[in-house]
Every structure is written in structure tokens, then in C-alpha cells.
Amino acid sequence: PEPFAANRRQVTVNGEVYFDVQHDAQRPFDVQLPSNGRVEVLGTQFAVNAHSTRPSVVVRSGKVRFQPDDTPQDVLLTAYQAAEYQG
């Protein structure tokens, strides 16, 4: 959306997308997945695949927190790491 809300930058994806996000502690960037999961961005370049019920994240640089399928568990990913939800 343009513009984002004053306190949060949030997008919803369904499909495959690549982001290059600048860190902004005052306005976190979150990606909402169709399965109610989310990716919290900590300043990075990364790709999200949300085509199916098995979302995945690949980090090129920086850090993201991947919390698939609205679970209480999450994983912190850094450069050259990937995760796929197998639920």
C-alpha cells in the first residue's frame, strides 16, 4: 500500500515475491501469509513463496523472523538460510 500506516509497514502476499527492505525500528515491516503465518522483517533482502500450504522463505542478506501458519513457534533466518513450513 501507499502510503503505509504511521507505525507499521504490512503487506499480504499470495504467490512468490522478492523484497529489499530497509530497517526502520519505528515502523516494522511484516509480510502476512495466506495461511495466517507471517514474516517479520529485520532489514534484509529475501524471497517469500506462499503459493501453497507450505510457505517458504529464502534470505539473501540481513535477518527475518519466520512464523508459519499462525503457530507460536518461529525461526530466525540470516543470510543464505531458508526455511519451509512442513505442517
PDB file of N, CA and C in Angstrom:
ATOM      1  N   PRO A   1       0.820  -1.214   0.000  1.00  0.00           N
ATOM      2  CA  PRO A   1       0.000   0.000   0.000  1.00  0.00           C
ATOM      3  C   PRO A   1       0.849   1.257   0.000  1.00  0.00           C
ATOM      4  N   GLU A   2       0.312   2.307  -0.529  1.00  0.00           N
ATOM      5  CA  GLU A   2       0.984   3.603  -0.465  1.00  0.00           C
ATOM      6  C   GLU A   2       0.008   4.618   0.071  1.00  0.00           C
ATOM      7  N   PRO A   3       0.284   5.305   1.084  1.00  0.00           N
ATOM      8  CA  PRO A   3       1.418   5.091   1.981  1.00  0.00           C
ATOM      9  C   PRO A   3       1.093   4.027   3.023  1.00  0.00           C
ATOM     10  N   PHE A   4       2.121   3.552   3.725  1.00  0.00           N
ATOM     11  CA  PHE A   4       1.925   2.616   4.832  1.00  0.00           C
ATOM     12  C   PHE A   4       1.376   3.376   6.031  1.00  0.00           C
ATOM     13  N   ALA A   5       0.861   2.636   7.008  1.00  0.00           N
ATOM     14  CA  ALA A   5       0.391   3.242   8.256  1.00  0.00           C
ATOM     15  C   ALA A   5       1.571   3.890   8.972  1.00  0.00           C
ATOM     16  N   ALA A   6       1.277   4.771   9.872  1.00  0.00           N
ATOM     17  CA  ALA A   6       2.319   5.532  10.565  1.00  0.00           C
ATOM     18  C   ALA A   6       3.225   4.657  11.426  1.00  0.00           C
ATOM     19  N   ASN A   7       2.704   3.547  11.967  1.00  0.00           N
ATOM     20  CA  ASN A   7       3.501   2.748  12.897  1.00  0.00           C
ATOM     21  C   ASN A   7       3.870   1.359  12.397  1.00  0.00           C
ATOM     22  N   ARG A   8       3.436   0.952  11.209  1.00  0.00           N
ATOM     23  CA  ARG A   8       3.715  -0.397  10.721  1.00  0.00           C
ATOM     24  C   ARG A   8       3.654  -0.435   9.212  1.00  0.00           C
ATOM     25  N   ARG A   9       4.579  -1.184   8.614  1.00  0.00           N
ATOM     26  CA  ARG A   9       4.545  -1.430   7.165  1.00  0.00           C
ATOM     27  C   ARG A   9       4.153  -2.891   7.000  1.00  0.00           C
ATOM     28  N   GLN A  10       2.967  -3.135   6.463  1.00  0.00           N
ATOM     29  CA  GLN A  10       2.453  -4.501   6.378  1.00  0.00           C
ATOM     30  C   GLN A  10       1.897  -4.769   4.990  1.00  0.00           C
ATOM     31  N   VAL A  11       2.242  -5.938   4.451  1.00  0.00           N
ATOM     32  CA  VAL A  11       1.703  -6.374   3.173  1.00  0.00           C
ATOM     33  C   VAL A  11       1.223  -7.813   3.316  1.00  0.00           C
ATOM     34  N   THR A  12       0.296  -8.199   2.453  1.00  0.00           N
ATOM     35  CA  THR A  12      -0.188  -9.574   2.384  1.00  0.00           C
ATOM     36  C   THR A  12       0.179 -10.125   1.027  1.00  0.00           C
ATOM     37  N   VAL A  13       0.724 -11.347   1.001  1.00  0.00           N
ATOM     38  CA  VAL A  13       1.122 -11.942  -0.271  1.00  0.00           C
ATOM     39  C   VAL A  13       0.427 -13.276  -0.473  1.00  0.00           C
ATOM     40  N   ASN A  14       0.215 -13.578  -1.738  1.00  0.00           N
ATOM     41  CA  ASN A  14      -0.281 -14.880  -2.167  1.00  0.00           C
ATOM     42  C   ASN A  14       0.444 -15.165  -3.463  1.00  0.00           C
ATOM     43  N   GLY A  15       1.479 -15.954  -3.403  1.00  0.00           N
ATOM     44  CA  GLY A  15       2.320 -16.212  -4.555  1.00  0.00           C
ATOM     45  C   GLY A  15       3.774 -16.079  -4.170  1.00  0.00           C
ATOM     46  N   GLU A  16       4.600 -15.693  -5.126  1.00  0.00           N
ATOM     47  CA  GLU A  16       6.024 -15.575  -4.889  1.00  0.00           C
ATOM     48  C   GLU A  16       6.457 -14.132  -5.085  1.00  0.00           C
ATOM     49  N   VAL A  17       7.256 -13.610  -4.153  1.00  0.00           N
ATOM     50  CA  VAL A  17       7.641 -12.209  -4.195  1.00  0.00           C
ATOM     51  C   VAL A  17       9.040 -12.050  -3.603  1.00  0.00           C
ATOM     52  N   TYR A  18       9.766 -11.034  -4.093  1.00  0.00           N
ATOM     53  CA  TYR A  18      11.101 -10.707  -3.583  1.00  0.00           C
ATOM     54  C   TYR A  18      11.059  -9.298  -3.007  1.00  0.00           C
ATOM     55  N   PHE A  19      11.635  -9.124  -1.814  1.00  0.00           N
ATOM     56  CA  PHE A  19      11.650  -7.833  -1.140  1.00  0.00           C
ATOM     57  C   PHE A  19      13.077  -7.373  -0.883  1.00  0.00           C
ATOM     58  N   ASP A  20      13.287  -6.068  -0.907  1.00  0.00           N
ATOM     59  CA  ASP A  20      14.518  -5.423  -0.462  1.00  0.00           C
ATOM     60  C   ASP A  20      14.066  -4.329   0.494  1.00  0.00           C
ATOM     61  N   VAL A  21      14.182  -4.584   1.807  1.00  0.00           N
ATOM     62  CA  VAL A  21      13.574  -3.738   2.823  1.00  0.00           C
ATOM     63  C   VAL A  21      14.639  -3.071   3.689  1.00  0.00           C
ATOM     64  N   GLN A  22      14.498  -1.781   3.893  1.00  0.00           N
ATOM     65  CA  GLN A  22      15.374  -1.036   4.798  1.00  0.00           C
ATOM     66  C   GLN A  22      14.832  -1.156   6.220  1.00  0.00           C
ATOM     67  N   HIS A  23      15.724  -1.374   7.181  1.00  0.00           N
ATOM     68  CA  HIS A  23      15.332  -1.469   8.585  1.00  0.00           C
ATOM     69  C   HIS A  23      14.804  -0.113   9.065  1.00  0.00           C
ATOM     70  N   ASP A  24      13.706  -0.149   9.806  1.00  0.00           N
ATOM     71  CA  ASP A  24      13.136   1.050  10.409  1.00  0.00           C
ATOM     72  C   ASP A  24      12.492   0.619  11.726  1.00  0.00           C
ATOM     73  N   ALA A  25      13.190   0.823  12.832  1.00  0.00           N
ATOM     74  CA  ALA A  25      12.714   0.372  14.139  1.00  0.00           C
ATOM     75  C   ALA A  25      11.370   0.989  14.510  1.00  0.00           C
ATOM     76  N   GLN A  26      11.070   2.184  14.023  1.00  0.00           N
ATOM     77  CA  GLN A  26       9.811   2.858  14.328  1.00  0.00           C
ATOM     78  C   GLN A  26       8.648   2.293  13.517  1.00  0.00           C
ATOM     79  N   ARG A  27       8.945   1.658  12.375  1.00  0.00           N
ATOM     80  CA  ARG A  27       7.890   1.115  11.506  1.00  0.00           C
ATOM     81  C   ARG A  27       8.304  -0.263  10.989  1.00  0.00           C
ATOM     82  N   PRO A  28       8.062  -1.325  11.783  1.00  0.00           N
ATOM     83  CA  PRO A  28       8.425  -2.674  11.352  1.00  0.00           C
ATOM     84  C   PRO A  28       7.731  -3.054  10.042  1.00  0.00           C
ATOM     85  N   PHE A  29       8.341  -3.955   9.291  1.00  0.00           N
ATOM     86  CA  PHE A  29       7.786  -4.449   8.032  1.00  0.00           C
ATOM     87  C   PHE A  29       7.391  -5.900   8.238  1.00  0.00           C
ATOM     88  N   ASP A  30       6.118  -6.232   8.029  1.00  0.00           N
ATOM     89  CA  ASP A  30       5.602  -7.587   8.191  1.00  0.00           C
ATOM     90  C   ASP A  30       4.957  -8.053   6.902  1.00  0.00           C
ATOM     91  N   VAL A  31       5.165  -9.331   6.592  1.00  0.00           N
ATOM     92  CA  VAL A  31       4.524  -9.977   5.450  1.00  0.00           C
ATOM     93  C   VAL A  31       3.543 -10.993   6.008  1.00  0.00           C
ATOM     94  N   GLN A  32       2.265 -10.822   5.710  1.00  0.00           N
ATOM     95  CA  GLN A  32       1.235 -11.755   6.134  1.00  0.00           C
ATOM     96  C   GLN A  32       1.064 -12.822   5.052  1.00  0.00           C
ATOM     97  N   LEU A  33       1.039 -14.102   5.469  1.00  0.00           N
ATOM     98  CA  LEU A  33       0.893 -15.225   4.545  1.00  0.00           C
ATOM     99  C   LEU A  33      -0.563 -15.681   4.521  1.00  0.00           C
ATOM    100  N   PRO A  34      -1.017 -16.292   3.418  1.00  0.00           N
ATOM    101  CA  PRO A  34      -2.406 -16.745   3.325  1.00  0.00           C
ATOM    102  C   PRO A  34      -2.788 -17.730   4.417  1.00  0.00           C
ATOM    103  N   SER A  35      -1.817 -18.468   4.951  1.00  0.00           N
ATOM    104  CA  SER A  35      -2.088 -19.470   5.989  1.00  0.00           C
ATOM    105  C   SER A  35      -2.135 -18.853   7.382  1.00  0.00           C
ATOM    106  N   ASN A  36      -2.199 -17.531   7.464  1.00  0.00           N
ATOM    107  CA  ASN A  36      -2.194 -16.780   8.720  1.00  0.00           C
ATOM    108  C   ASN A  36      -0.816 -16.738   9.365  1.00  0.00           C
ATOM    109  N   GLY A  37       0.206 -17.223   8.691  1.00  0.00           N
ATOM    110  CA  GLY A  37       1.566 -17.080   9.177  1.00  0.00           C
ATOM    111  C   GLY A  37       2.084 -15.699   8.840  1.00  0.00           C
ATOM    112  N   ARG A  38       3.328 -15.426   9.238  1.00  0.00           N
ATOM    113  CA  ARG A  38       3.895 -14.120   8.934  1.00  0.00           C
ATOM    114  C   ARG A  38       5.408 -14.175   8.902  1.00  0.00           C
ATOM    115  N   VAL A  39       5.986 -13.171   8.246  1.00  0.00           N
ATOM    116  CA  VAL A  39       7.421 -12.973   8.206  1.00  0.00           C
ATOM    117  C   VAL A  39       7.671 -11.565   8.740  1.00  0.00           C
ATOM    118  N   GLU A  40       8.438 -11.469   9.816  1.00  0.00           N
ATOM    119  CA  GLU A  40       8.793 -10.170  10.379  1.00  0.00           C
ATOM    120  C   GLU A  40      10.173  -9.798   9.858  1.00  0.00           C
ATOM    121  N   VAL A  41      10.265  -8.685   9.209  1.00  0.00           N
ATOM    122  CA  VAL A  41      11.496  -8.274   8.540  1.00  0.00           C
ATOM    123  C   VAL A  41      12.337  -7.431   9.480  1.00  0.00           C
ATOM    124  N   LEU A  42      13.634  -7.755   9.520  1.00  0.00           N
ATOM    125  CA  LEU A  42      14.553  -7.038  10.384  1.00  0.00           C
ATOM    126  C   LEU A  42      15.599  -6.307   9.555  1.00  0.00           C
ATOM    127  N   GLY A  43      15.260  -5.891   8.337  1.00  0.00           N
ATOM    128  CA  GLY A  43      16.154  -5.183   7.420  1.00  0.00           C
ATOM    129  C   GLY A  43      16.920  -6.165   6.566  1.00  0.00           C
ATOM    130  N   THR A  44      16.480  -6.399   5.331  1.00  0.00           N
ATOM    131  CA  THR A  44      17.041  -7.511   4.576  1.00  0.00           C
ATOM    132  C   THR A  44      16.605  -7.532   3.114  1.00  0.00           C
ATOM    133  N   GLN A  45      17.153  -8.490   2.398  1.00  0.00           N
ATOM    134  CA  GLN A  45      16.695  -8.870   1.061  1.00  0.00           C
ATOM    135  C   GLN A  45      16.286 -10.340   1.171  1.00  0.00           C
ATOM    136  N   PHE A  46      15.048 -10.651   0.761  1.00  0.00           N
ATOM    137  CA  PHE A  46      14.560 -12.017   0.929  1.00  0.00           C
ATOM    138  C   PHE A  46      13.430 -12.305  -0.047  1.00  0.00           C
ATOM    139  N   ALA A  47      13.148 -13.592  -0.210  1.00  0.00           N
ATOM    140  CA  ALA A  47      12.057 -14.033  -1.082  1.00  0.00           C
ATOM    141  C   ALA A  47      11.073 -14.855  -0.252  1.00  0.00           C
ATOM    142  N   VAL A  48       9.785 -14.725  -0.587  1.00  0.00           N
ATOM    143  CA  VAL A  48       8.723 -15.492   0.061  1.00  0.00           C
ATOM    144  C   VAL A  48       7.962 -16.241  -1.016  1.00  0.00           C
ATOM    145  N   ASN A  49       7.711 -17.530  -0.771  1.00  0.00           N
ATOM    146  CA  ASN A  49       6.865 -18.315  -1.647  1.00  0.00           C
ATOM    147  C   ASN A  49       5.661 -18.736  -0.823  1.00  0.00           C
ATOM    148  N   ALA A  50       4.490 -18.211  -1.152  1.00  0.00           N
ATOM    149  CA  ALA A  50       3.265 -18.513  -0.415  1.00  0.00           C
ATOM    150  C   ALA A  50       2.222 -19.117  -1.348  1.00  0.00           C
ATOM    151  N   HIS A  51       2.672 -19.877  -2.355  1.00  0.00           N
ATOM    152  CA  HIS A  51       1.759 -20.487  -3.322  1.00  0.00           C
ATOM    153  C   HIS A  51       0.883 -21.573  -2.715  1.00  0.00           C
ATOM    154  N   SER A  52       1.387 -22.276  -1.716  1.00  0.00           N
ATOM    155  CA  SER A  52       0.661 -23.431  -1.204  1.00  0.00           C
ATOM    156  C   SER A  52       0.529 -23.343   0.304  1.00  0.00           C
ATOM    157  N   THR A  53       0.140 -24.455   0.912  1.00  0.00           N
ATOM    158  CA  THR A  53       0.030 -24.522   2.361  1.00  0.00           C
ATOM    159  C   THR A  53       1.392 -24.757   3.007  1.00  0.00           C
ATOM    160  N   ARG A  54       2.458 -24.753   2.193  1.00  0.00           N
ATOM    161  CA  ARG A  54       3.822 -24.931   2.688  1.00  0.00           C
ATOM    162  C   ARG A  54       4.659 -23.704   2.335  1.00  0.00           C
ATOM    163  N   PRO A  55       4.411 -22.565   2.998  1.00  0.00           N
ATOM    164  CA  PRO A  55       5.162 -21.353   2.673  1.00  0.00           C
ATOM    165  C   PRO A  55       6.649 -21.524   2.975  1.00  0.00           C
ATOM    166  N   SER A  56       7.477 -20.790   2.231  1.00  0.00           N
ATOM    167  CA  SER A  56       8.918 -20.837   2.450  1.00  0.00           C
ATOM    168  C   SER A  56       9.498 -19.438   2.344  1.00  0.00           C
ATOM    169  N   VAL A  57      10.677 -19.271   2.964  1.00  0.00           N
ATOM    170  CA  VAL A  57      11.395 -18.002   2.960  1.00  0.00           C
ATOM    171  C   VAL A  57      12.854 -18.295   2.679  1.00  0.00           C
ATOM    172  N   VAL A  58      13.469 -17.498   1.795  1.00  0.00           N
ATOM    173  CA  VAL A  58      14.893 -17.583   1.498  1.00  0.00           C
ATOM    174  C   VAL A  58      15.485 -16.199   1.735  1.00  0.00           C
ATOM    175  N   VAL A  59      16.544 -16.114   2.561  1.00  0.00           N
ATOM    176  CA  VAL A  59      17.143 -14.829   2.915  1.00  0.00           C
ATOM    177  C   VAL A  59      18.436 -14.638   2.127  1.00  0.00           C
ATOM    178  N   ARG A  60      18.533 -13.508   1.451  1.00  0.00           N
ATOM    179  CA  ARG A  60      19.748 -13.172   0.708  1.00  0.00           C
ATOM    180  C   ARG A  60      20.730 -12.408   1.593  1.00  0.00           C
ATOM    181  N   SER A  61      20.212 -11.455   2.374  1.00  0.00           N
ATOM    182  CA  SER A  61      21.046 -10.714   3.317  1.00  0.00           C
ATOM    183  C   SER A  61      20.169 -10.251   4.471  1.00  0.00           C
ATOM    184  N   GLY A  62      20.778  -9.951   5.602  1.00  0.00           N
ATOM    185  CA  GLY A  62      20.039  -9.459   6.752  1.00  0.00           C
ATOM    186  C   GLY A  62      19.389 -10.560   7.555  1.00  0.00           C
ATOM    187  N   LYS A  63      18.234 -10.248   8.170  1.00  0.00           N
ATOM    188  CA  LYS A  63      17.530 -11.188   9.043  1.00  0.00           C
ATOM    189  C   LYS A  63      16.027 -11.072   8.858  1.00  0.00           C
ATOM    190  N   VAL A  64      15.349 -12.200   8.999  1.00  0.00           N
ATOM    191  CA  VAL A  64      13.886 -12.219   9.085  1.00  0.00           C
ATOM    192  C   VAL A  64      13.478 -13.220  10.155  1.00  0.00           C
ATOM    193  N   ARG A  65      12.305 -13.017  10.724  1.00  0.00           N
ATOM    194  CA  ARG A  65      11.724 -13.972  11.658  1.00  0.00           C
ATOM    195  C   ARG A  65      10.530 -14.600  10.943  1.00  0.00           C
ATOM    196  N   PHE A  66      10.560 -15.909  10.757  1.00  0.00           N
ATOM    197  CA  PHE A  66       9.540 -16.654  10.013  1.00  0.00           C
ATOM    198  C   PHE A  66       8.657 -17.385  11.013  1.00  0.00           C
ATOM    199  N   GLN A  67       7.357 -17.061  11.005  1.00  0.00           N
ATOM    200  CA  GLN A  67       6.381 -17.697  11.885  1.00  0.00           C
ATOM    201  C   GLN A  67       5.258 -18.237  11.016  1.00  0.00           C
ATOM    202  N   PRO A  68       5.389 -19.492  10.567  1.00  0.00           N
ATOM    203  CA  PRO A  68       4.406 -20.033   9.631  1.00  0.00           C
ATOM    204  C   PRO A  68       3.104 -20.447  10.303  1.00  0.00           C
ATOM    205  N   ASP A  69       2.033 -20.358   9.547  1.00  0.00           N
ATOM    206  CA  ASP A  69       0.727 -20.928   9.911  1.00  0.00           C
ATOM    207  C   ASP A  69       0.223 -20.488  11.276  1.00  0.00           C
ATOM    208  N   ASP A  70       0.510 -19.254  11.672  1.00  0.00           N
ATOM    209  CA  ASP A  70      -0.009 -18.700  12.918  1.00  0.00           C
ATOM    210  C   ASP A  70       0.352 -19.563  14.129  1.00  0.00           C
ATOM    211  N   THR A  71       1.523 -20.196  14.116  1.00  0.00           N
ATOM    212  CA  THR A  71       1.985 -21.025  15.226  1.00  0.00           C
ATOM    213  C   THR A  71       2.724 -20.161  16.237  1.00  0.00           C
ATOM    214  N   PRO A  72       2.857 -20.634  17.477  1.00  0.00           N
ATOM    215  CA  PRO A  72       3.627 -19.871  18.460  1.00  0.00           C
ATOM    216  C   PRO A  72       5.135 -19.989  18.222  1.00  0.00           C
ATOM    217  N   GLN A  73       5.551 -20.919  17.393  1.00  0.00           N
ATOM    218  CA  GLN A  73       6.968 -21.123  17.105  1.00  0.00           C
ATOM    219  C   GLN A  73       7.396 -20.243  15.936  1.00  0.00           C
ATOM    220  N   ASP A  74       8.643 -19.777  16.013  1.00  0.00           N
ATOM    221  CA  ASP A  74       9.204 -19.035  14.896  1.00  0.00           C
ATOM    222  C   ASP A  74      10.669 -19.422  14.749  1.00  0.00           C
ATOM    223  N   VAL A  75      11.258 -19.001  13.641  1.00  0.00           N
ATOM    224  CA  VAL A  75      12.669 -19.276  13.390  1.00  0.00           C
ATOM    225  C   VAL A  75      13.305 -17.992  12.879  1.00  0.00           C
ATOM    226  N   LEU A  76      14.495 -17.690  13.375  1.00  0.00           N
ATOM    227  CA  LEU A  76      15.240 -16.527  12.930  1.00  0.00           C
ATOM    228  C   LEU A  76      16.189 -16.965  11.828  1.00  0.00           C
ATOM    229  N   LEU A  77      16.044 -16.369  10.646  1.00  0.00           N
ATOM    230  CA  LEU A  77      16.878 -16.718   9.497  1.00  0.00           C
ATOM    231  C   LEU A  77      17.809 -15.564   9.174  1.00  0.00           C
ATOM    232  N   THR A  78      19.041 -15.892   8.816  1.00  0.00           N
ATOM    233  CA  THR A  78      20.009 -14.879   8.399  1.00  0.00           C
ATOM    234  C   THR A  78      20.469 -15.191   6.976  1.00  0.00           C
ATOM    235  N   ALA A  79      21.418 -14.414   6.470  1.00  0.00           N
ATOM    236  CA  ALA A  79      21.866 -14.524   5.084  1.00  0.00           C
ATOM    237  C   ALA A  79      22.174 -15.973   4.690  1.00  0.00           C
ATOM    238  N   TYR A  80      21.698 -16.349   3.517  1.00  0.00           N
ATOM    239  CA  TYR A  80      21.910 -17.652   2.890  1.00  0.00           C
ATOM    240  C   TYR A  80      21.223 -18.796   3.632  1.00  0.00           C
ATOM    241  N   GLN A  81      20.208 -18.489   4.425  1.00  0.00           N
ATOM    242  CA  GLN A  81      19.425 -19.516   5.082  1.00  0.00           C
ATOM    243  C   GLN A  81      18.019 -19.519   4.497  1.00  0.00           C
ATOM    244  N   ALA A  82      17.366 -20.675   4.621  1.00  0.00           N
ATOM    245  CA  ALA A  82      15.999 -20.828   4.116  1.00  0.00           C
ATOM    246  C   ALA A  82      15.213 -21.706   5.071  1.00  0.00           C
ATOM    247  N   ALA A  83      13.888 -21.576   5.035  1.00  0.00           N
ATOM    248  CA  ALA A  83      13.006 -22.414   5.832  1.00  0.00           C
ATOM    249  C   ALA A  83      11.726 -22.657   5.048  1.00  0.00           C
ATOM    250  N   GLU A  84      11.188 -23.857   5.196  1.00  0.00           N
ATOM    251  CA  GLU A  84       9.909 -24.213   4.573  1.00  0.00           C
ATOM    252  C   GLU A  84       9.031 -24.851   5.633  1.00  0.00           C
ATOM    253  N   TYR A  85       7.779 -24.416   5.717  1.00  0.00           N
ATOM    254  CA  TYR A  85       6.844 -24.970   6.673  1.00  0.00           C
ATOM    255  C   TYR A  85       6.314 -26.291   6.155  1.00  0.00           C
ATOM    256  N   GLN A  86       6.411 -27.343   6.969  1.00  0.00           N
ATOM    257  CA  GLN A  86       6.001 -28.680   6.553  1.00  0.00           C
ATOM    258  C   GLN A  86       4.700 -29.132   7.224  1.00  0.00           C
ATOM    259  N   GLY A  87       3.989 -28.214   7.903  1.00  0.00           N
ATOM    260  CA  GLY A  87       2.801 -28.532   8.680  1.00  0.00           C
ATOM    261  C   GLY A  87       1.750 -29.164   7.910  1.00  0.00           C
TER     262      GLY A  87
END
